[in-house]
Amino acid sequence: MIYLDTHVVAWAYAGEIDRFPPSVCRRIEESDLLISPFVLLELKYLHEIERLTVEPGVIYENLASTIGLAVCDLPLMRVITEALPQTWTRDPFDRIITATATARDAILLTKDAAILTHYPKAFWG
């Protein structure tokens, strides 16, 4: 089981597979894929500021049917408990998305340098 960061979801939906190192592609093909519900919220914000042209529901439904993406169902309080000590970022999305993966002691696929530095199970090739 691995979690995908928001940009990974957006790139996968857009078919921008060339952005992924081969090792990331292998992990996506071989693993159960999850996202934090906050990935959907961040996609919505990106849509509102016109960095994405597609609603998050469309992105999610497409990836659910094509690559088996699912939304994590951990209780919010469990995720927030993991997020509270993560003081390395002020970005609430990065903090909660990382906390969701932390709560399951799972890999998080991300190209984000701060997450790669601070979350030992973050992976990007």
N, C-alpha and C. Protein backbone atom coordinates (compact mmCIF):
# COMPACT_ATOMS: atom_id res chain seq x y z
N MET A 1 0.84 -1.17 0.00
CA MET A 1 0.00 0.00 0.00
C MET A 1 0.89 1.24 0.00
N ILE A 2 0.59 2.15 -0.92
CA ILE A 2 1.31 3.43 -0.96
C ILE A 2 0.32 4.56 -1.14
N TYR A 3 0.72 5.71 -0.63
CA TYR A 3 -0.07 6.92 -0.78
C TYR A 3 0.54 7.78 -1.88
N LEU A 4 -0.31 8.51 -2.58
CA LEU A 4 0.14 9.41 -3.63
C LEU A 4 -0.07 10.85 -3.19
N ASP A 5 0.93 11.68 -3.43
CA ASP A 5 0.81 13.11 -3.16
C ASP A 5 -0.03 13.74 -4.28
N THR A 6 -0.48 14.94 -4.05
CA THR A 6 -1.39 15.61 -4.97
C THR A 6 -0.83 15.74 -6.38
N HIS A 7 0.41 16.15 -6.50
CA HIS A 7 0.98 16.33 -7.84
C HIS A 7 1.10 15.00 -8.58
N VAL A 8 1.33 13.92 -7.85
CA VAL A 8 1.40 12.60 -8.48
C VAL A 8 0.03 12.24 -9.07
N VAL A 9 -1.03 12.53 -8.33
CA VAL A 9 -2.38 12.27 -8.81
C VAL A 9 -2.67 13.12 -10.06
N ALA A 10 -2.33 14.40 -10.00
CA ALA A 10 -2.59 15.28 -11.14
C ALA A 10 -1.82 14.83 -12.38
N TRP A 11 -0.55 14.46 -12.21
CA TRP A 11 0.25 14.01 -13.34
C TRP A 11 -0.26 12.69 -13.89
N ALA A 12 -0.65 11.78 -13.01
CA ALA A 12 -1.18 10.49 -13.47
C ALA A 12 -2.45 10.70 -14.28
N TYR A 13 -3.33 11.55 -13.81
CA TYR A 13 -4.57 11.82 -14.53
C TYR A 13 -4.27 12.44 -15.90
N ALA A 14 -3.31 13.36 -15.94
CA ALA A 14 -2.97 14.04 -17.19
C ALA A 14 -2.18 13.15 -18.14
N GLY A 15 -1.82 11.95 -17.70
CA GLY A 15 -1.04 11.05 -18.55
C GLY A 15 0.42 11.45 -18.66
N GLU A 16 0.90 12.24 -17.72
CA GLU A 16 2.29 12.72 -17.76
C GLU A 16 3.22 11.73 -17.07
N ILE A 17 3.17 10.52 -17.55
CA ILE A 17 3.94 9.42 -16.97
C ILE A 17 5.45 9.65 -17.13
N ASP A 18 5.85 10.43 -18.12
CA ASP A 18 7.26 10.72 -18.33
C ASP A 18 7.86 11.51 -17.15
N ARG A 19 7.03 12.08 -16.29
CA ARG A 19 7.52 12.79 -15.09
C ARG A 19 7.95 11.82 -14.00
N PHE A 20 7.54 10.54 -14.11
CA PHE A 20 7.81 9.56 -13.07
C PHE A 20 9.07 8.76 -13.39
N PRO A 21 9.96 8.63 -12.42
CA PRO A 21 11.09 7.71 -12.62
C PRO A 21 10.55 6.29 -12.78
N PRO A 22 11.28 5.42 -13.46
CA PRO A 22 10.82 4.04 -13.64
C PRO A 22 10.48 3.34 -12.32
N SER A 23 11.24 3.62 -11.27
CA SER A 23 10.97 2.98 -9.98
C SER A 23 9.63 3.43 -9.40
N VAL A 24 9.22 4.66 -9.65
CA VAL A 24 7.92 5.14 -9.20
C VAL A 24 6.82 4.45 -10.02
N CYS A 25 7.02 4.34 -11.30
CA CYS A 25 6.04 3.64 -12.15
C CYS A 25 5.84 2.20 -11.68
N ARG A 26 6.94 1.52 -11.33
CA ARG A 26 6.84 0.15 -10.83
C ARG A 26 6.03 0.09 -9.54
N ARG A 27 6.30 1.01 -8.64
CA ARG A 27 5.54 1.02 -7.37
C ARG A 27 4.06 1.26 -7.61
N ILE A 28 3.74 2.14 -8.53
CA ILE A 28 2.33 2.41 -8.84
C ILE A 28 1.67 1.16 -9.41
N GLU A 29 2.37 0.47 -10.30
CA GLU A 29 1.81 -0.74 -10.93
C GLU A 29 1.66 -1.90 -9.96
N GLU A 30 2.54 -1.99 -8.96
CA GLU A 30 2.60 -3.16 -8.08
C GLU A 30 1.86 -2.99 -6.75
N SER A 31 1.35 -1.80 -6.45
CA SER A 31 0.84 -1.53 -5.11
C SER A 31 -0.63 -1.15 -5.10
N ASP A 32 -1.24 -1.32 -3.93
CA ASP A 32 -2.55 -0.73 -3.69
C ASP A 32 -2.32 0.77 -3.49
N LEU A 33 -3.12 1.58 -4.14
CA LEU A 33 -2.90 3.03 -4.15
C LEU A 33 -3.97 3.75 -3.35
N LEU A 34 -3.51 4.62 -2.46
CA LEU A 34 -4.42 5.41 -1.63
C LEU A 34 -4.06 6.88 -1.71
N ILE A 35 -5.05 7.71 -1.42
CA ILE A 35 -4.81 9.13 -1.22
C ILE A 35 -5.51 9.56 0.06
N SER A 36 -4.95 10.57 0.67
CA SER A 36 -5.62 11.23 1.78
C SER A 36 -6.82 11.98 1.19
N PRO A 37 -7.92 12.10 1.93
CA PRO A 37 -9.03 12.93 1.45
C PRO A 37 -8.58 14.38 1.20
N PHE A 38 -7.50 14.78 1.86
CA PHE A 38 -7.01 16.14 1.67
C PHE A 38 -6.38 16.36 0.30
N VAL A 39 -6.01 15.28 -0.38
CA VAL A 39 -5.57 15.40 -1.77
C VAL A 39 -6.73 15.91 -2.62
N LEU A 40 -7.92 15.39 -2.37
CA LEU A 40 -9.10 15.87 -3.11
C LEU A 40 -9.36 17.34 -2.84
N LEU A 41 -9.20 17.76 -1.58
CA LEU A 41 -9.40 19.16 -1.25
C LEU A 41 -8.35 20.04 -1.92
N GLU A 42 -7.11 19.59 -1.92
CA GLU A 42 -6.06 20.37 -2.59
C GLU A 42 -6.31 20.45 -4.09
N LEU A 43 -6.75 19.35 -4.69
CA LEU A 43 -7.10 19.39 -6.12
C LEU A 43 -8.21 20.42 -6.37
N LYS A 44 -9.17 20.51 -5.45
CA LYS A 44 -10.25 21.49 -5.60
C LYS A 44 -9.69 22.91 -5.55
N TYR A 45 -8.80 23.18 -4.61
CA TYR A 45 -8.17 24.50 -4.55
C TYR A 45 -7.41 24.80 -5.84
N LEU A 46 -6.69 23.84 -6.34
CA LEU A 46 -5.96 24.04 -7.59
C LEU A 46 -6.92 24.31 -8.75
N HIS A 47 -8.07 23.68 -8.73
CA HIS A 47 -9.08 23.94 -9.75
C HIS A 47 -9.63 25.35 -9.60
N GLU A 48 -9.88 25.78 -8.38
CA GLU A 48 -10.43 27.12 -8.13
C GLU A 48 -9.49 28.23 -8.56
N ILE A 49 -8.18 28.00 -8.43
CA ILE A 49 -7.22 29.03 -8.85
C ILE A 49 -6.76 28.80 -10.29
N GLU A 50 -7.46 27.89 -10.98
CA GLU A 50 -7.28 27.63 -12.41
C GLU A 50 -5.92 27.02 -12.77
N ARG A 51 -5.33 26.29 -11.82
CA ARG A 51 -4.13 25.52 -12.16
C ARG A 51 -4.50 24.14 -12.67
N LEU A 52 -5.75 23.74 -12.43
CA LEU A 52 -6.32 22.52 -12.99
C LEU A 52 -7.62 22.89 -13.68
N THR A 53 -7.91 22.24 -14.79
CA THR A 53 -9.15 22.53 -15.51
C THR A 53 -10.25 21.52 -15.23
N VAL A 54 -9.93 20.48 -14.47
CA VAL A 54 -10.86 19.39 -14.22
C VAL A 54 -11.18 19.34 -12.72
N GLU A 55 -12.44 19.08 -12.40
CA GLU A 55 -12.87 18.94 -11.01
C GLU A 55 -12.22 17.70 -10.37
N PRO A 56 -11.95 17.75 -9.07
CA PRO A 56 -11.30 16.61 -8.42
C PRO A 56 -12.11 15.31 -8.49
N GLY A 57 -13.42 15.40 -8.49
CA GLY A 57 -14.23 14.18 -8.59
C GLY A 57 -13.99 13.44 -9.89
N VAL A 58 -13.82 14.19 -10.97
CA VAL A 58 -13.54 13.58 -12.28
C VAL A 58 -12.17 12.91 -12.26
N ILE A 59 -11.20 13.59 -11.68
CA ILE A 59 -9.85 13.03 -11.59
C ILE A 59 -9.87 11.75 -10.77
N TYR A 60 -10.51 11.81 -9.62
CA TYR A 60 -10.55 10.65 -8.74
C TYR A 60 -11.27 9.47 -9.40
N GLU A 61 -12.44 9.71 -9.95
CA GLU A 61 -13.21 8.61 -10.56
C GLU A 61 -12.43 7.97 -11.70
N ASN A 62 -11.74 8.79 -12.49
CA ASN A 62 -10.94 8.25 -13.58
C ASN A 62 -9.82 7.36 -13.05
N LEU A 63 -9.09 7.84 -12.05
CA LEU A 63 -7.96 7.06 -11.53
C LEU A 63 -8.44 5.87 -10.70
N ALA A 64 -9.59 5.97 -10.09
CA ALA A 64 -10.14 4.82 -9.37
C ALA A 64 -10.42 3.68 -10.34
N SER A 65 -10.96 4.03 -11.50
CA SER A 65 -11.31 2.99 -12.46
C SER A 65 -10.11 2.51 -13.28
N THR A 66 -9.10 3.36 -13.48
CA THR A 66 -7.97 2.95 -14.32
C THR A 66 -6.80 2.34 -13.56
N ILE A 67 -6.52 2.87 -12.35
CA ILE A 67 -5.37 2.34 -11.61
C ILE A 67 -5.75 1.85 -10.21
N GLY A 68 -7.03 1.84 -9.89
CA GLY A 68 -7.48 1.32 -8.61
C GLY A 68 -7.26 2.25 -7.43
N LEU A 69 -7.16 3.54 -7.68
CA LEU A 69 -6.95 4.51 -6.60
C LEU A 69 -8.14 4.51 -5.64
N ALA A 70 -7.85 4.60 -4.34
CA ALA A 70 -8.89 4.67 -3.33
C ALA A 70 -8.58 5.79 -2.35
N VAL A 71 -9.61 6.29 -1.69
CA VAL A 71 -9.44 7.32 -0.66
C VAL A 71 -9.29 6.63 0.69
N CYS A 72 -8.30 7.04 1.44
CA CYS A 72 -8.05 6.50 2.76
C CYS A 72 -9.23 6.80 3.68
N ASP A 73 -9.56 5.83 4.52
CA ASP A 73 -10.71 6.00 5.42
C ASP A 73 -10.31 6.10 6.89
N LEU A 74 -9.07 6.45 7.16
CA LEU A 74 -8.65 6.62 8.55
C LEU A 74 -9.47 7.72 9.21
N PRO A 75 -9.78 7.58 10.50
CA PRO A 75 -10.49 8.65 11.20
C PRO A 75 -9.66 9.94 11.22
N LEU A 76 -10.33 11.06 11.05
CA LEU A 76 -9.64 12.35 10.98
C LEU A 76 -8.80 12.60 12.24
N MET A 77 -9.31 12.28 13.41
CA MET A 77 -8.56 12.53 14.64
C MET A 77 -7.26 11.74 14.66
N ARG A 78 -7.25 10.56 14.10
CA ARG A 78 -6.00 9.77 14.02
C ARG A 78 -4.97 10.50 13.15
N VAL A 79 -5.43 11.06 12.05
CA VAL A 79 -4.53 11.78 11.14
C VAL A 79 -4.04 13.06 11.80
N ILE A 80 -4.93 13.79 12.44
CA ILE A 80 -4.53 15.04 13.09
C ILE A 80 -3.53 14.77 14.20
N THR A 81 -3.72 13.70 14.94
CA THR A 81 -2.76 13.32 15.99
C THR A 81 -1.38 13.13 15.41
N GLU A 82 -1.29 12.53 14.23
CA GLU A 82 0.01 12.36 13.55
C GLU A 82 0.54 13.68 13.00
N ALA A 83 -0.37 14.59 12.62
CA ALA A 83 0.05 15.87 12.02
C ALA A 83 0.57 16.86 13.05
N LEU A 84 0.08 16.80 14.27
CA LEU A 84 0.45 17.80 15.28
C LEU A 84 1.96 17.94 15.50
N PRO A 85 2.72 16.86 15.61
CA PRO A 85 4.16 17.05 15.83
C PRO A 85 4.96 17.37 14.56
N GLN A 86 4.33 17.38 13.42
CA GLN A 86 5.05 17.65 12.17
C GLN A 86 5.17 19.16 11.95
N THR A 87 6.15 19.74 12.60
CA THR A 87 6.32 21.19 12.57
C THR A 87 7.27 21.66 11.46
N TRP A 88 7.66 20.77 10.59
CA TRP A 88 8.62 21.11 9.54
C TRP A 88 7.99 21.87 8.38
N THR A 89 6.67 22.02 8.36
CA THR A 89 6.01 22.74 7.28
C THR A 89 4.83 23.53 7.81
N ARG A 90 4.53 24.62 7.14
CA ARG A 90 3.33 25.40 7.44
C ARG A 90 2.24 25.12 6.40
N ASP A 91 2.54 24.30 5.42
CA ASP A 91 1.56 23.95 4.39
C ASP A 91 0.62 22.89 4.97
N PRO A 92 -0.65 23.24 5.19
CA PRO A 92 -1.55 22.26 5.81
C PRO A 92 -1.76 21.01 4.96
N PHE A 93 -1.72 21.14 3.65
CA PHE A 93 -1.90 19.97 2.80
C PHE A 93 -0.72 19.01 2.95
N ASP A 94 0.50 19.53 2.86
CA ASP A 94 1.67 18.67 3.02
C ASP A 94 1.66 18.00 4.39
N ARG A 95 1.29 18.75 5.39
CA ARG A 95 1.30 18.23 6.75
C ARG A 95 0.30 17.09 6.92
N ILE A 96 -0.91 17.27 6.42
CA ILE A 96 -1.95 16.25 6.62
C ILE A 96 -1.77 15.07 5.68
N ILE A 97 -1.35 15.33 4.46
CA ILE A 97 -1.10 14.23 3.52
C ILE A 97 0.02 13.34 4.05
N THR A 98 1.08 13.95 4.57
CA THR A 98 2.17 13.17 5.15
C THR A 98 1.70 12.45 6.42
N ALA A 99 0.91 13.12 7.24
CA ALA A 99 0.40 12.51 8.47
C ALA A 99 -0.48 11.29 8.16
N THR A 100 -1.22 11.35 7.07
CA THR A 100 -2.06 10.21 6.69
C THR A 100 -1.19 8.99 6.38
N ALA A 101 -0.13 9.20 5.63
CA ALA A 101 0.79 8.09 5.34
C ALA A 101 1.49 7.63 6.62
N THR A 102 1.86 8.57 7.46
CA THR A 102 2.52 8.24 8.72
C THR A 102 1.64 7.35 9.59
N ALA A 103 0.36 7.66 9.64
CA ALA A 103 -0.57 6.90 10.48
C ALA A 103 -0.61 5.43 10.09
N ARG A 104 -0.32 5.13 8.84
CA ARG A 104 -0.30 3.75 8.37
C ARG A 104 1.12 3.22 8.19
N ASP A 105 2.12 4.05 8.54
CA ASP A 105 3.52 3.69 8.36
C ASP A 105 3.76 3.24 6.92
N ALA A 106 3.22 4.05 6.00
CA ALA A 106 3.22 3.70 4.57
C ALA A 106 4.14 4.61 3.77
N ILE A 107 4.47 4.15 2.60
CA ILE A 107 5.24 4.94 1.64
C ILE A 107 4.34 6.05 1.09
N LEU A 108 4.93 7.21 0.88
CA LEU A 108 4.26 8.33 0.23
C LEU A 108 5.06 8.69 -1.01
N LEU A 109 4.45 8.53 -2.19
CA LEU A 109 5.11 8.92 -3.43
C LEU A 109 4.97 10.41 -3.61
N THR A 110 6.11 11.10 -3.66
CA THR A 110 6.11 12.55 -3.79
C THR A 110 7.44 13.01 -4.36
N LYS A 111 7.38 14.10 -5.08
CA LYS A 111 8.61 14.74 -5.56
C LYS A 111 8.95 15.95 -4.69
N ASP A 112 8.11 16.25 -3.72
CA ASP A 112 8.26 17.40 -2.84
C ASP A 112 9.53 17.25 -1.98
N ALA A 113 10.47 18.18 -2.14
CA ALA A 113 11.76 18.08 -1.46
C ALA A 113 11.62 18.12 0.06
N ALA A 114 10.73 18.95 0.58
CA ALA A 114 10.56 19.04 2.04
C ALA A 114 10.02 17.73 2.60
N ILE A 115 9.06 17.15 1.93
CA ILE A 115 8.52 15.87 2.40
C ILE A 115 9.59 14.79 2.30
N LEU A 116 10.32 14.76 1.20
CA LEU A 116 11.38 13.77 1.05
C LEU A 116 12.43 13.89 2.15
N THR A 117 12.68 15.11 2.59
CA THR A 117 13.66 15.35 3.65
C THR A 117 13.13 14.92 5.02
N HIS A 118 11.85 15.15 5.27
CA HIS A 118 11.33 15.00 6.63
C HIS A 118 10.52 13.73 6.89
N TYR A 119 10.07 13.06 5.85
CA TYR A 119 9.30 11.82 6.06
C TYR A 119 10.14 10.66 5.55
N PRO A 120 10.63 9.81 6.44
CA PRO A 120 11.55 8.75 6.03
C PRO A 120 11.00 7.78 5.00
N LYS A 121 9.69 7.64 4.92
CA LYS A 121 9.10 6.72 3.96
C LYS A 121 8.63 7.41 2.68
N ALA A 122 8.99 8.67 2.52
CA ALA A 122 8.70 9.36 1.25
C ALA A 122 9.65 8.79 0.19
N PHE A 123 9.15 8.70 -1.02
CA PHE A 123 9.92 8.03 -2.09
C PHE A 123 9.70 8.76 -3.42
N TRP A 124 10.80 8.96 -4.14
CA TRP A 124 10.74 9.44 -5.51
C TRP A 124 11.95 8.94 -6.26
N GLY A 125 11.98 7.67 -6.55
CA GLY A 125 13.03 7.06 -7.34
C GLY A 125 14.22 6.80 -6.55
